[in-house]
N, C-alpha and C. Protein backbone atom coordinates (compact mmCIF):
# COMPACT_ATOMS: atom_id res chain seq x y z
N MET A 1 -37.67 7.31 67.37
CA MET A 1 -36.22 6.99 68.11
C MET A 1 -36.46 5.31 68.03
N GLU A 2 -37.09 4.54 67.78
CA GLU A 2 -37.09 3.02 67.64
C GLU A 2 -36.43 2.88 66.57
N LEU A 3 -36.96 3.32 65.27
CA LEU A 3 -36.77 3.39 63.88
C LEU A 3 -35.47 4.12 64.09
N LYS A 4 -34.89 4.86 64.39
CA LYS A 4 -33.40 5.37 64.44
C LYS A 4 -32.38 4.45 65.00
N THR A 5 -32.85 3.43 66.26
CA THR A 5 -31.91 2.71 66.77
C THR A 5 -32.04 1.45 66.03
N MET A 6 -32.88 0.80 65.22
CA MET A 6 -32.95 -0.36 64.62
C MET A 6 -31.74 -0.03 63.42
N LYS A 7 -31.74 0.98 62.84
CA LYS A 7 -31.19 1.21 61.63
C LYS A 7 -29.39 1.58 62.24
N THR A 8 -29.21 1.52 63.78
CA THR A 8 -27.88 1.68 63.55
C THR A 8 -27.85 0.34 64.08
N ARG A 9 -28.44 -0.04 64.72
CA ARG A 9 -28.15 -1.75 64.82
C ARG A 9 -27.84 -2.57 63.30
N THR A 10 -28.83 -2.31 62.59
CA THR A 10 -28.62 -2.61 61.26
C THR A 10 -27.03 -2.46 60.73
N GLY A 11 -27.23 -1.10 60.48
CA GLY A 11 -25.37 -0.47 60.28
C GLY A 11 -24.44 -1.87 60.90
N THR A 12 -24.50 -1.76 62.28
CA THR A 12 -23.38 -2.20 62.81
C THR A 12 -23.54 -3.88 62.60
N SER A 13 -24.31 -4.47 62.64
CA SER A 13 -24.97 -5.66 62.40
C SER A 13 -23.77 -6.06 60.68
N SER A 14 -24.11 -4.75 59.91
CA SER A 14 -23.86 -5.21 58.52
C SER A 14 -21.77 -5.04 58.48
N PHE A 15 -21.90 -3.73 59.32
CA PHE A 15 -20.25 -3.86 59.54
C PHE A 15 -19.28 -4.99 60.03
N THR A 16 -20.22 -5.61 60.85
CA THR A 16 -19.59 -6.59 61.83
C THR A 16 -19.26 -7.77 60.71
N HIS A 17 -20.81 -8.19 59.65
CA HIS A 17 -20.56 -8.94 59.28
C HIS A 17 -19.56 -8.64 57.81
N ALA A 18 -19.18 -7.54 57.56
CA ALA A 18 -18.47 -7.33 56.56
C ALA A 18 -16.89 -7.50 57.34
N ARG A 19 -16.98 -7.35 58.25
CA ARG A 19 -15.52 -7.38 58.76
C ARG A 19 -15.17 -8.88 59.13
N SER A 20 -16.27 -9.56 59.66
CA SER A 20 -16.11 -10.87 59.51
C SER A 20 -15.74 -11.46 58.28
N LEU A 21 -16.14 -11.02 57.28
CA LEU A 21 -15.76 -11.66 55.84
C LEU A 21 -14.58 -11.48 55.36
N GLN A 22 -13.80 -9.87 55.76
CA GLN A 22 -12.75 -9.51 55.75
C GLN A 22 -11.70 -10.66 56.16
N LEU A 23 -11.90 -10.53 57.44
CA LEU A 23 -10.98 -11.59 58.41
C LEU A 23 -10.88 -13.02 58.12
N ALA A 24 -11.90 -13.53 57.35
CA ALA A 24 -12.27 -15.12 57.27
C ALA A 24 -11.26 -14.99 55.45
N ALA A 25 -11.58 -13.79 54.62
CA ALA A 25 -10.59 -13.85 53.18
C ALA A 25 -9.34 -13.62 53.61
N LEU A 26 -8.54 -12.87 54.71
CA LEU A 26 -7.04 -12.86 54.62
C LEU A 26 -6.50 -13.94 55.34
N ALA A 27 -7.47 -14.56 57.03
CA ALA A 27 -6.98 -15.34 57.11
C ALA A 27 -7.04 -16.48 55.55
N LEU A 28 -7.94 -17.10 54.98
CA LEU A 28 -7.36 -18.24 53.91
C LEU A 28 -6.83 -17.87 52.41
N GLY A 29 -6.69 -15.89 52.39
CA GLY A 29 -5.37 -15.61 51.66
C GLY A 29 -3.84 -15.98 52.28
N GLY A 30 -4.04 -15.96 53.49
CA GLY A 30 -2.60 -16.09 54.36
C GLY A 30 -1.83 -17.33 54.04
N SER A 31 -3.17 -18.46 54.52
CA SER A 31 -2.76 -19.78 54.60
C SER A 31 -2.37 -20.44 52.93
N LEU A 32 -2.84 -19.62 52.01
CA LEU A 32 -2.91 -20.33 50.42
C LEU A 32 -1.50 -19.49 50.25
N ILE A 33 -1.13 -18.70 50.90
CA ILE A 33 0.43 -18.10 50.29
C ILE A 33 1.13 -18.93 51.14
N LEU A 34 1.15 -19.49 52.59
CA LEU A 34 1.96 -20.11 53.23
C LEU A 34 2.25 -21.53 52.89
N SER A 35 1.06 -21.87 52.09
CA SER A 35 1.27 -23.49 51.78
C SER A 35 1.63 -23.00 49.99
N GLY A 36 1.59 -22.06 49.43
CA GLY A 36 2.21 -21.81 48.04
C GLY A 36 4.00 -21.84 48.41
N CYS A 37 4.28 -21.82 49.27
CA CYS A 37 5.72 -21.63 49.71
C CYS A 37 6.38 -23.09 50.08
N ALA A 38 5.34 -23.53 51.16
CA ALA A 38 5.52 -25.08 50.95
C ALA A 38 5.86 -26.11 49.87
N GLY A 39 5.34 -25.54 48.69
CA GLY A 39 5.01 -26.32 47.61
C GLY A 39 5.69 -25.74 46.26
N ASN A 40 7.10 -25.00 46.92
CA ASN A 40 7.88 -24.70 45.94
C ASN A 40 9.29 -25.62 45.68
N PRO A 41 9.25 -25.60 44.39
CA PRO A 41 10.60 -26.75 44.04
C PRO A 41 12.14 -26.38 44.92
N PRO A 42 12.53 -27.52 44.87
CA PRO A 42 13.35 -27.54 46.18
C PRO A 42 14.99 -27.46 44.94
N THR A 43 14.93 -25.75 44.66
CA THR A 43 16.04 -25.68 43.31
C THR A 43 17.09 -25.39 44.22
N GLU A 44 17.18 -24.63 45.28
CA GLU A 44 18.69 -24.15 45.59
C GLU A 44 19.24 -25.12 46.39
N GLN A 45 18.34 -26.27 47.04
CA GLN A 45 18.83 -27.70 47.88
C GLN A 45 19.17 -28.80 46.86
N TYR A 46 18.72 -28.55 45.37
CA TYR A 46 18.99 -29.24 44.22
C TYR A 46 20.56 -28.88 44.02
N ALA A 47 20.61 -27.53 43.91
CA ALA A 47 22.02 -26.60 43.62
C ALA A 47 22.81 -27.33 44.33
N VAL A 48 22.71 -26.79 45.53
CA VAL A 48 23.99 -27.25 46.57
C VAL A 48 24.36 -28.89 46.80
N THR A 49 23.30 -29.71 46.72
CA THR A 49 23.73 -31.53 46.33
C THR A 49 24.38 -31.17 45.13
N GLN A 50 24.14 -31.02 44.00
CA GLN A 50 24.73 -31.00 42.27
C GLN A 50 26.47 -30.65 42.58
N SER A 51 26.84 -29.74 43.70
CA SER A 51 28.01 -28.97 43.99
C SER A 51 28.64 -30.38 44.50
N ALA A 52 27.79 -30.52 45.86
CA ALA A 52 28.51 -31.13 46.96
C ALA A 52 29.08 -32.64 46.13
N VAL A 53 28.06 -33.10 45.12
CA VAL A 53 28.48 -34.63 44.20
C VAL A 53 29.32 -34.40 43.38
N ASN A 54 29.74 -33.02 42.78
CA ASN A 54 30.90 -32.70 41.95
C ASN A 54 31.84 -32.53 42.73
N ASP A 55 32.21 -32.08 43.65
CA ASP A 55 32.83 -32.37 44.87
C ASP A 55 33.55 -33.43 45.08
N ALA A 56 32.44 -34.04 45.67
CA ALA A 56 33.09 -35.43 46.15
C ALA A 56 34.07 -36.27 44.77
N VAL A 57 33.10 -35.77 43.63
CA VAL A 57 33.79 -36.88 42.43
C VAL A 57 35.26 -36.31 42.11
N SER A 58 35.59 -34.49 42.64
CA SER A 58 36.52 -33.89 41.91
C SER A 58 37.84 -34.73 43.24
N ALA A 59 37.22 -34.78 44.49
CA ALA A 59 38.15 -35.35 45.15
C ALA A 59 38.35 -36.99 45.36
N GLY A 60 38.09 -37.67 44.33
CA GLY A 60 38.06 -39.01 44.41
C GLY A 60 36.87 -39.96 44.57
N GLY A 61 35.90 -39.41 45.04
CA GLY A 61 34.93 -40.40 45.82
C GLY A 61 34.33 -41.56 44.57
N THR A 62 34.50 -41.43 43.58
CA THR A 62 34.27 -42.64 42.84
C THR A 62 35.46 -43.98 43.06
N GLU A 63 36.42 -43.44 43.25
CA GLU A 63 37.45 -44.46 43.06
C GLU A 63 37.72 -44.62 44.73
N PHE A 64 37.76 -43.58 45.45
CA PHE A 64 37.67 -44.19 47.24
C PHE A 64 36.44 -44.37 48.15
N SER A 65 35.40 -44.00 47.32
CA SER A 65 34.39 -44.30 48.09
C SER A 65 32.78 -44.48 47.21
N ALA A 66 33.28 -45.64 46.46
CA ALA A 66 32.28 -45.71 45.49
C ALA A 66 30.33 -46.26 45.96
N VAL A 67 30.65 -46.79 47.34
CA VAL A 67 29.47 -47.02 47.64
C VAL A 67 28.41 -45.58 47.90
N GLU A 68 29.42 -45.13 48.85
CA GLU A 68 28.41 -43.59 49.04
C GLU A 68 28.25 -42.67 47.72
N MET A 69 29.23 -42.55 46.49
CA MET A 69 29.22 -41.96 45.68
C MET A 69 27.66 -42.31 44.85
N LYS A 70 27.77 -43.90 44.74
CA LYS A 70 26.78 -44.17 43.77
C LYS A 70 25.25 -44.02 44.73
N SER A 71 25.31 -43.80 46.47
CA SER A 71 23.84 -43.57 46.73
C SER A 71 24.09 -42.22 46.53
N ALA A 72 24.91 -41.49 46.61
CA ALA A 72 24.61 -39.94 46.53
C ALA A 72 24.18 -39.44 44.97
N GLN A 73 24.90 -40.03 44.13
CA GLN A 73 24.08 -40.04 42.47
C GLN A 73 22.76 -40.89 42.22
N ASP A 74 22.37 -41.76 43.19
CA ASP A 74 20.99 -42.09 42.69
C ASP A 74 19.99 -41.32 43.62
N LYS A 75 20.59 -41.06 44.72
CA LYS A 75 19.38 -39.93 45.49
C LYS A 75 19.38 -38.69 44.56
N LEU A 76 20.38 -38.33 43.82
CA LEU A 76 20.30 -36.89 43.24
C LEU A 76 18.99 -37.48 41.98
N LYS A 77 19.59 -38.48 41.36
CA LYS A 77 18.79 -38.67 40.16
C LYS A 77 17.25 -38.69 40.60
N GLN A 78 17.12 -39.70 41.82
CA GLN A 78 15.61 -39.86 42.32
C GLN A 78 14.90 -38.28 42.67
N ALA A 79 16.00 -37.41 43.29
CA ALA A 79 15.18 -36.19 44.05
C ALA A 79 14.87 -35.31 42.06
N GLU A 80 15.96 -35.67 41.19
CA GLU A 80 15.39 -34.74 40.13
C GLU A 80 13.96 -35.67 39.31
N ILE A 81 14.06 -36.81 39.69
CA ILE A 81 12.28 -37.32 39.02
C ILE A 81 11.13 -36.77 39.76
N ALA A 82 11.92 -36.75 40.95
CA ALA A 82 10.46 -36.24 41.85
C ALA A 82 10.30 -34.70 41.87
N MET A 83 11.09 -34.01 41.66
CA MET A 83 11.03 -32.62 41.30
C MET A 83 10.11 -32.53 39.56
N HIS A 84 10.41 -33.16 38.92
CA HIS A 84 9.87 -33.26 37.68
C HIS A 84 8.13 -33.36 37.81
N ASP A 85 7.92 -34.79 38.91
CA ASP A 85 7.03 -35.39 39.50
C ASP A 85 5.95 -33.93 40.39
N LYS A 86 6.45 -33.28 40.64
CA LYS A 86 5.97 -32.11 41.78
C LYS A 86 6.09 -32.44 43.00
N GLN A 87 6.59 -33.41 43.54
CA GLN A 87 6.60 -34.03 44.40
C GLN A 87 7.74 -33.45 45.07
N TYR A 88 7.76 -32.24 45.56
CA TYR A 88 8.61 -31.19 46.17
C TYR A 88 9.67 -31.76 47.39
N ASP A 89 8.52 -32.06 48.47
CA ASP A 89 9.22 -32.37 49.65
C ASP A 89 9.73 -34.09 49.50
N GLN A 90 9.43 -34.76 48.91
CA GLN A 90 9.98 -35.74 48.78
C GLN A 90 11.64 -35.65 47.68
N ALA A 91 11.47 -34.69 46.55
CA ALA A 91 12.45 -34.26 46.17
C ALA A 91 13.42 -33.75 47.21
N ARG A 92 13.32 -32.59 48.17
CA ARG A 92 13.98 -31.98 48.91
C ARG A 92 14.74 -32.89 49.85
N MET A 93 13.79 -33.95 50.32
CA MET A 93 14.32 -35.00 51.70
C MET A 93 15.47 -35.89 50.54
N LEU A 94 15.43 -36.43 49.68
CA LEU A 94 16.20 -36.97 48.60
C LEU A 94 17.73 -36.40 48.39
N ALA A 95 17.49 -34.85 48.26
CA ALA A 95 18.60 -34.01 47.63
C ALA A 95 19.07 -33.78 48.93
N GLU A 96 18.57 -33.95 50.02
CA GLU A 96 19.31 -33.83 51.30
C GLU A 96 20.09 -34.58 51.68
N GLN A 97 19.49 -35.57 51.62
CA GLN A 97 20.25 -36.93 51.58
C GLN A 97 21.03 -37.22 51.01
N ALA A 98 21.12 -37.16 49.54
CA ALA A 98 22.12 -37.09 48.61
C ALA A 98 23.78 -36.24 48.93
N GLU A 99 23.38 -34.94 49.12
CA GLU A 99 24.10 -34.35 49.71
C GLU A 99 24.89 -34.77 50.56
N TRP A 100 24.41 -35.34 51.72
CA TRP A 100 24.82 -35.95 53.13
C TRP A 100 25.81 -37.30 52.38
N ASP A 101 25.36 -37.81 51.51
CA ASP A 101 26.19 -38.87 51.22
C ASP A 101 27.29 -38.37 50.28
N ALA A 102 27.38 -37.69 49.11
CA ALA A 102 28.19 -37.22 48.73
C ALA A 102 29.15 -36.31 49.63
N ARG A 103 29.06 -35.79 50.48
CA ARG A 103 30.27 -35.12 51.83
C ARG A 103 30.64 -36.21 52.29
N VAL A 104 29.79 -37.05 52.95
CA VAL A 104 30.68 -38.70 53.38
C VAL A 104 31.91 -38.98 52.29
N ALA A 105 31.13 -39.23 51.11
CA ALA A 105 32.09 -39.66 50.15
C ALA A 105 32.96 -38.81 49.79
N GLU A 106 33.06 -37.63 49.61
CA GLU A 106 34.36 -37.12 49.69
C GLU A 106 35.25 -36.70 50.81
N ARG A 107 34.68 -36.66 52.01
CA ARG A 107 35.62 -37.27 53.52
C ARG A 107 36.63 -38.44 53.09
N LYS A 108 36.10 -39.39 52.80
CA LYS A 108 36.17 -40.81 53.02
C LYS A 108 37.36 -40.66 51.90
N ALA A 109 37.42 -40.12 50.95
CA ALA A 109 38.13 -39.95 49.47
C ALA A 109 39.32 -39.18 50.23
N GLN A 110 38.92 -38.06 50.59
CA GLN A 110 40.20 -37.60 51.30
C GLN A 110 40.95 -38.17 52.75
N ALA A 111 40.44 -38.72 53.05
CA ALA A 111 40.82 -39.47 54.39
C ALA A 111 41.99 -40.62 53.31
N MET A 112 41.16 -41.55 52.93
CA MET A 112 42.04 -42.39 51.87
C MET A 112 43.21 -42.16 51.31
N LYS A 113 43.18 -40.75 50.75
CA LYS A 113 44.34 -40.14 50.07
C LYS A 113 45.33 -39.49 51.40
N ALA A 114 44.45 -39.50 52.15
CA ALA A 114 45.97 -38.66 53.04
C ALA A 114 46.24 -40.03 53.77
N GLU A 115 46.03 -40.70 54.40
CA GLU A 115 46.43 -42.19 54.54
C GLU A 115 47.39 -42.96 53.82
N GLN A 116 47.35 -42.74 52.05
CA GLN A 116 48.53 -43.32 51.18
C GLN A 116 49.09 -41.93 51.29
N SER A 117 49.08 -41.35 51.41
CA SER A 117 50.00 -39.99 51.24
C SER A 117 51.32 -40.48 52.88
N VAL A 118 50.54 -40.80 53.55
CA VAL A 118 51.67 -41.08 54.89
C VAL A 118 51.82 -42.58 54.84
N LYS A 119 51.61 -43.21 53.82
CA LYS A 119 52.27 -44.94 53.86
C LYS A 119 53.17 -44.47 52.79
N ASP A 120 53.14 -43.93 51.72
CA ASP A 120 54.15 -43.05 50.98
C ASP A 120 55.36 -42.71 51.81
N ALA A 121 55.07 -41.46 52.70
CA ALA A 121 55.75 -41.40 53.44
C ALA A 121 56.57 -41.68 54.41
N GLN A 122 55.97 -42.99 54.59
CA GLN A 122 56.34 -43.97 55.79
C GLN A 122 57.42 -44.82 55.17
N LYS A 123 57.46 -45.20 53.73
CA LYS A 123 58.10 -45.87 52.50
C LYS A 123 58.80 -45.71 52.73
N GLY A 124 59.01 -43.94 52.15
CA GLY A 124 60.07 -43.16 51.70
C GLY A 124 61.04 -43.16 52.75
N VAL A 125 60.91 -42.64 54.30
CA VAL A 125 61.51 -42.97 55.08
C VAL A 125 62.42 -44.10 55.28
N GLN A 126 61.69 -44.90 55.15
CA GLN A 126 62.41 -46.60 55.16
C GLN A 126 63.78 -46.81 54.26
N GLU A 127 63.00 -46.27 52.85
CA GLU A 127 64.23 -46.55 51.93
C GLU A 127 65.05 -45.66 52.22
N LEU A 128 65.34 -44.43 52.96
CA LEU A 128 66.29 -43.90 53.28
C LEU A 128 67.02 -44.26 54.43
N ARG A 129 66.29 -44.59 55.18
CA ARG A 129 67.25 -45.24 56.68
C ARG A 129 68.03 -46.23 55.81
N GLN A 130 67.29 -47.65 55.06
CA GLN A 130 68.01 -48.74 54.55
C GLN A 130 69.38 -48.34 53.78
N GLU A 131 68.80 -47.10 53.02
CA GLU A 131 70.07 -46.61 51.97
C GLU A 131 71.61 -45.94 53.07
N SER A 132 71.06 -45.47 53.91
CA SER A 132 71.82 -44.43 55.22
C SER A 132 72.76 -45.77 55.63
N GLN A 133 72.22 -46.98 56.09
CA GLN A 133 72.98 -48.24 56.91
C GLN A 133 73.65 -48.94 55.89
N ARG A 134 73.11 -49.06 54.13
CA ARG A 134 74.24 -49.28 53.43
C ARG A 134 75.66 -48.70 53.53
N THR A 135 75.61 -47.25 53.26
CA THR A 135 76.30 -46.64 52.93
C THR A 135 77.37 -46.57 54.22
N LEU A 136 77.17 -46.80 55.28
CA LEU A 136 77.85 -46.63 56.39
C LEU A 136 78.41 -48.16 56.63
N GLN A 137 78.23 -48.92 56.06
CA GLN A 137 78.39 -50.60 56.14
C GLN A 137 80.08 -50.54 54.98
């Protein structure tokens, strides 16, 4: 009877040990998978940023918001270099900053264009008033 009990305990002990190894392997594998996800290149963010920079250029950012455009383009270039060097967290941060700089440049350019349109319209109205006053005299 004692022999049988010892075998059961030994069997249970090796089962517990195998179970512990499985859990450790699962935990290690899970952490490797999660850390692998964190180390992926930020290609989607880079594409969004590139699109934002292109939109800002199209909106006249280089003409009306040169400082912000230069900042966006410089940060985008730095993000590209960081991606090449596999510094993905740095690349993601720079790409996000470049995106916001580009969006500021685009909005600023749109505002400047709108302001110019208002000035042109006011000038046109003023000219019409002057012309109508001349015809009345």
